[in-house]
Amino acid sequence: MIECIQEEGDFTDWEVPSSSSDIKYIVSVDDEGNLFCSCPDFYYRKSRMNPHISNPESYCKHIRQVLEHGEIERSEERHQVCQASSC
């Protein structure tokens, strides 16, 4: 189960369970669409590919799970509403 664990400032973080072990990885996105995941695939391969929401080649499977779940879009909408209402 994907769980939003932090919405603070320019970043939103999700905890995403591994499909092969009990490990949970952290997926983060900032308000400019820059992505990060704490998994080895992202660290060793994807982080060198301009990890951004507009670059699907830079997604690891955990980032894909967050996207497929609709969490990043929802986070961006909340951020835009918050900016508009001066939270």
Protein backbone atom coordinates (compact mmCIF):
# COMPACT_ATOMS: atom_id res chain seq x y z
CA MET A 1 0.00 0.00 0.00
CA ILE A 2 1.33 3.41 -0.98
CA GLU A 3 1.21 5.89 1.87
CA CYS A 4 1.85 9.63 1.82
CA ILE A 5 4.20 10.18 4.72
CA GLN A 6 5.09 13.84 4.39
CA GLU A 7 3.84 16.97 2.68
CA GLU A 8 6.11 19.78 3.68
CA GLY A 9 7.36 22.81 1.82
CA ASP A 10 8.30 21.98 -1.74
CA PHE A 11 8.38 18.17 -1.29
CA THR A 12 5.89 15.35 -0.94
CA ASP A 13 7.10 11.89 0.11
CA TRP A 14 5.45 8.48 -0.23
CA GLU A 15 6.37 5.16 1.30
CA VAL A 16 6.18 2.38 -1.30
CA PRO A 17 6.61 -1.28 -0.33
CA SER A 18 9.02 -3.48 -2.25
CA SER A 19 7.37 -6.25 -4.24
CA SER A 20 10.10 -8.73 -3.29
CA SER A 21 10.88 -8.02 0.39
CA ASP A 22 9.72 -6.20 3.52
CA ILE A 23 11.66 -3.07 2.55
CA LYS A 24 9.79 0.19 2.01
CA TYR A 25 11.25 2.79 -0.33
CA ILE A 26 10.71 6.54 -0.23
CA VAL A 27 9.53 8.30 -3.40
CA SER A 28 9.74 12.09 -3.40
CA VAL A 29 8.63 14.78 -5.80
CA ASP A 30 9.19 18.51 -5.48
CA ASP A 31 6.98 21.30 -6.77
CA GLU A 32 9.05 21.49 -9.98
CA GLY A 33 8.46 17.81 -10.82
CA ASN A 34 11.91 16.52 -9.87
CA LEU A 35 11.78 12.90 -8.71
CA PHE A 36 13.70 10.72 -6.26
CA CYS A 37 13.41 7.15 -5.02
CA SER A 38 15.51 5.46 -2.36
CA CYS A 39 15.68 2.13 -4.26
CA PRO A 40 18.94 0.79 -5.75
CA ASP A 41 17.62 0.90 -9.34
CA PHE A 42 16.96 4.62 -9.08
CA TYR A 43 20.27 5.31 -7.33
CA TYR A 44 22.48 3.36 -9.73
CA ARG A 45 20.62 3.86 -13.04
CA LYS A 46 17.71 6.24 -13.16
CA SER A 47 19.15 9.16 -11.17
CA ARG A 48 21.56 9.84 -14.04
CA MET A 49 18.68 10.27 -16.53
CA ASN A 50 17.35 13.70 -15.51
CA PRO A 51 14.74 12.32 -13.07
CA HIS A 52 11.73 14.49 -13.77
CA ILE A 53 8.01 13.90 -14.11
CA SER A 54 8.32 14.74 -17.83
CA ASN A 55 10.95 12.02 -18.41
CA PRO A 56 9.36 8.54 -18.13
CA GLU A 57 12.72 6.87 -18.83
CA SER A 58 13.88 8.09 -15.42
CA TYR A 59 11.09 6.29 -13.52
CA CYS A 60 11.86 3.25 -11.40
CA LYS A 61 9.00 0.86 -10.64
CA HIS A 62 8.27 2.60 -7.32
CA ILE A 63 7.84 5.98 -9.00
CA ARG A 64 5.61 4.27 -11.58
CA GLN A 65 3.49 2.82 -8.75
CA VAL A 66 3.00 6.28 -7.22
CA LEU A 67 2.08 7.69 -10.64
CA GLU A 68 -0.31 4.83 -11.45
CA HIS A 69 -1.96 5.30 -8.07
CA GLY A 70 -2.53 8.97 -9.00
CA GLU A 71 -0.69 10.28 -5.97
CA ILE A 72 1.65 12.72 -7.73
CA GLU A 73 -1.19 14.38 -9.63
CA ARG A 74 -3.19 14.70 -6.41
CA SER A 75 -0.18 16.18 -4.64
CA GLU A 76 0.32 18.75 -7.41
CA GLU A 77 -3.37 19.71 -7.23
CA ARG A 78 -3.17 20.16 -3.43
CA HIS A 79 -0.02 22.25 -3.84
CA GLN A 80 -1.70 24.46 -6.46
CA VAL A 81 -4.79 24.92 -4.26
CA CYS A 82 -2.57 25.75 -1.30
CA GLN A 83 -0.60 28.32 -3.32
CA ALA A 84 -3.83 29.91 -4.57
CA SER A 85 -5.27 30.21 -1.07
CA SER A 86 -1.96 31.30 0.56
CA CYS A 87 -1.79 28.43 3.06
